[in-house]
Amino acid sequence: MSNRVFIGNLPYVFSPEELKAELIRLGYRPLEVRIISDRETGQGKGFGFVEVETPQEARYMIETLNGIYIGGRSVRAAEAVKKSRPEPESP
């Protein structure tokens, strides 16, 4: 398990700072928070990633964060899985 957590079903208007403040208020210790936004509009897509210090903290966050309301929405947490990018084709 990694020390990165996927958090979904976030409010579309949430900033990384707002999510970090909310997680700290709930007792978590996020090191880094990223909200994924649309490239054209800049609006959040309703999900992001949180990095914590250890895999144990990530596991605890996943186990306890699911179903908690943040910004009026019931969020979902899961282990962040790195997507592999396809290799560019050779000419």
C-alpha atoms as a PDB file:
ATOM      1  CA  MET A   1       0.000   0.000   0.000  1.00  0.00           C
ATOM      2  CA  SER A   2       1.191   3.473  -0.817  1.00  0.00           C
ATOM      3  CA  ASN A   3       0.846   6.603   1.280  1.00  0.00           C
ATOM      4  CA  ARG A   4      -1.436   8.286  -1.292  1.00  0.00           C
ATOM      5  CA  VAL A   5      -5.226   8.306  -0.961  1.00  0.00           C
ATOM      6  CA  PHE A   6      -7.815   8.973  -3.661  1.00  0.00           C
ATOM      7  CA  ILE A   7     -10.772  11.022  -2.430  1.00  0.00           C
ATOM      8  CA  GLY A   8     -13.843  11.185  -4.641  1.00  0.00           C
ATOM      9  CA  ASN A   9     -17.261  12.866  -4.638  1.00  0.00           C
ATOM     10  CA  LEU A  10     -15.835  16.173  -3.463  1.00  0.00           C
ATOM     11  CA  PRO A  11     -17.643  19.461  -4.103  1.00  0.00           C
ATOM     12  CA  TYR A  12     -16.584  20.776  -7.522  1.00  0.00           C
ATOM     13  CA  VAL A  13     -15.697  24.180  -6.045  1.00  0.00           C
ATOM     14  CA  PHE A  14     -13.341  22.840  -3.348  1.00  0.00           C
ATOM     15  CA  SER A  15      -9.757  24.111  -3.434  1.00  0.00           C
ATOM     16  CA  PRO A  16      -6.786  22.073  -2.180  1.00  0.00           C
ATOM     17  CA  GLU A  17      -6.492  24.467   0.759  1.00  0.00           C
ATOM     18  CA  GLU A  18     -10.142  23.934   1.744  1.00  0.00           C
ATOM     19  CA  LEU A  19      -9.808  20.148   1.569  1.00  0.00           C
ATOM     20  CA  LYS A  20      -6.570  20.214   3.576  1.00  0.00           C
ATOM     21  CA  ALA A  21      -8.177  22.403   6.261  1.00  0.00           C
ATOM     22  CA  GLU A  22     -11.187  20.071   6.448  1.00  0.00           C
ATOM     23  CA  LEU A  23      -8.982  16.981   6.750  1.00  0.00           C
ATOM     24  CA  ILE A  24      -6.941  18.619   9.514  1.00  0.00           C
ATOM     25  CA  ARG A  25     -10.177  19.544  11.299  1.00  0.00           C
ATOM     26  CA  LEU A  26     -11.196  15.874  11.130  1.00  0.00           C
ATOM     27  CA  GLY A  27      -7.878  14.823  12.712  1.00  0.00           C
ATOM     28  CA  TYR A  28      -5.910  13.685   9.664  1.00  0.00           C
ATOM     29  CA  ARG A  29      -2.365  14.874   8.877  1.00  0.00           C
ATOM     30  CA  PRO A  30      -2.156  15.501   5.133  1.00  0.00           C
ATOM     31  CA  LEU A  31       1.270  16.368   3.725  1.00  0.00           C
ATOM     32  CA  GLU A  32       0.068  17.284   0.242  1.00  0.00           C
ATOM     33  CA  VAL A  33      -3.387  17.732  -1.282  1.00  0.00           C
ATOM     34  CA  ARG A  34      -4.150  17.864  -5.007  1.00  0.00           C
ATOM     35  CA  ILE A  35      -7.563  18.543  -6.529  1.00  0.00           C
ATOM     36  CA  ILE A  36      -7.898  17.493 -10.149  1.00  0.00           C
ATOM     37  CA  SER A  37      -9.404  20.201 -12.342  1.00  0.00           C
ATOM     38  CA  ASP A  38     -10.610  20.473 -15.902  1.00  0.00           C
ATOM     39  CA  ARG A  39      -7.848  21.764 -18.184  1.00  0.00           C
ATOM     40  CA  GLU A  40     -10.150  24.068 -20.145  1.00  0.00           C
ATOM     41  CA  THR A  41     -12.396  25.505 -17.434  1.00  0.00           C
ATOM     42  CA  GLY A  42     -10.202  25.132 -14.353  1.00  0.00           C
ATOM     43  CA  GLN A  43     -13.193  23.817 -12.376  1.00  0.00           C
ATOM     44  CA  GLY A  44     -12.569  20.900 -10.036  1.00  0.00           C
ATOM     45  CA  LYS A  45     -13.633  17.477 -11.256  1.00  0.00           C
ATOM     46  CA  GLY A  46     -14.841  16.348  -7.833  1.00  0.00           C
ATOM     47  CA  PHE A  47     -11.857  14.234  -6.847  1.00  0.00           C
ATOM     48  CA  GLY A  48      -8.306  14.562  -5.673  1.00  0.00           C
ATOM     49  CA  PHE A  49      -5.357  12.927  -3.984  1.00  0.00           C
ATOM     50  CA  VAL A  50      -3.932  13.253  -0.500  1.00  0.00           C
ATOM     51  CA  GLU A  51      -0.455  12.218   0.542  1.00  0.00           C
ATOM     52  CA  VAL A  52       0.180  11.259   4.157  1.00  0.00           C
ATOM     53  CA  GLU A  53       3.382  10.243   5.906  1.00  0.00           C
ATOM     54  CA  THR A  54       2.966   6.458   6.101  1.00  0.00           C
ATOM     55  CA  PRO A  55       0.980   3.670   4.453  1.00  0.00           C
ATOM     56  CA  GLN A  56      -0.604   3.013   7.861  1.00  0.00           C
ATOM     57  CA  GLU A  57      -1.971   6.571   7.934  1.00  0.00           C
ATOM     58  CA  ALA A  58      -3.296   6.101   4.400  1.00  0.00           C
ATOM     59  CA  ARG A  59      -5.039   2.863   5.399  1.00  0.00           C
ATOM     60  CA  TYR A  60      -6.581   4.577   8.446  1.00  0.00           C
ATOM     61  CA  MET A  61      -7.771   7.486   6.297  1.00  0.00           C
ATOM     62  CA  ILE A  62      -9.389   5.109   3.809  1.00  0.00           C
ATOM     63  CA  GLU A  63     -11.090   3.089   6.550  1.00  0.00           C
ATOM     64  CA  THR A  64     -12.461   6.103   8.406  1.00  0.00           C
ATOM     65  CA  LEU A  65     -13.117   8.702   5.697  1.00  0.00           C
ATOM     66  CA  ASN A  66     -15.592   6.766   3.531  1.00  0.00           C
ATOM     67  CA  GLY A  67     -19.092   8.154   3.938  1.00  0.00           C
ATOM     68  CA  ILE A  68     -18.043  11.262   5.879  1.00  0.00           C
ATOM     69  CA  TYR A  69     -19.676  14.461   4.644  1.00  0.00           C
ATOM     70  CA  ILE A  70     -17.259  17.098   3.394  1.00  0.00           C
ATOM     71  CA  GLY A  71     -18.748  20.225   1.884  1.00  0.00           C
ATOM     72  CA  GLY A  72     -22.200  18.659   1.980  1.00  0.00           C
ATOM     73  CA  ARG A  73     -21.207  15.535   0.017  1.00  0.00           C
ATOM     74  CA  SER A  74     -20.536  11.992   1.185  1.00  0.00           C
ATOM     75  CA  VAL A  75     -16.948  11.335   0.096  1.00  0.00           C
ATOM     76  CA  ARG A  76     -15.324   8.097  -0.988  1.00  0.00           C
ATOM     77  CA  ALA A  77     -11.729   7.186  -0.185  1.00  0.00           C
ATOM     78  CA  ALA A  78      -9.546   4.490  -1.731  1.00  0.00           C
ATOM     79  CA  GLU A  79      -5.913   3.667  -2.297  1.00  0.00           C
ATOM     80  CA  ALA A  80      -4.480   5.870  -5.030  1.00  0.00           C
ATOM     81  CA  VAL A  81      -3.284   3.733  -7.907  1.00  0.00           C
ATOM     82  CA  LYS A  82      -0.766   5.200 -10.321  1.00  0.00           C
ATOM     83  CA  LYS A  83      -1.976   4.956 -13.888  1.00  0.00           C
ATOM     84  CA  SER A  84       0.644   3.830 -16.319  1.00  0.00           C
ATOM     85  CA  ARG A  85       0.874   5.948 -19.413  1.00  0.00           C
ATOM     86  CA  PRO A  86       1.084   4.179 -22.744  1.00  0.00           C
ATOM     87  CA  GLU A  87       4.490   4.196 -24.378  1.00  0.00           C
ATOM     88  CA  PRO A  88       4.695   6.414 -27.462  1.00  0.00           C
ATOM     89  CA  GLU A  89       4.767   4.433 -30.665  1.00  0.00           C
ATOM     90  CA  SER A  90       8.012   4.357 -32.622  1.00  0.00           C
ATOM     91  CA  PRO A  91       7.860   5.530 -36.240  1.00  0.00           C
END
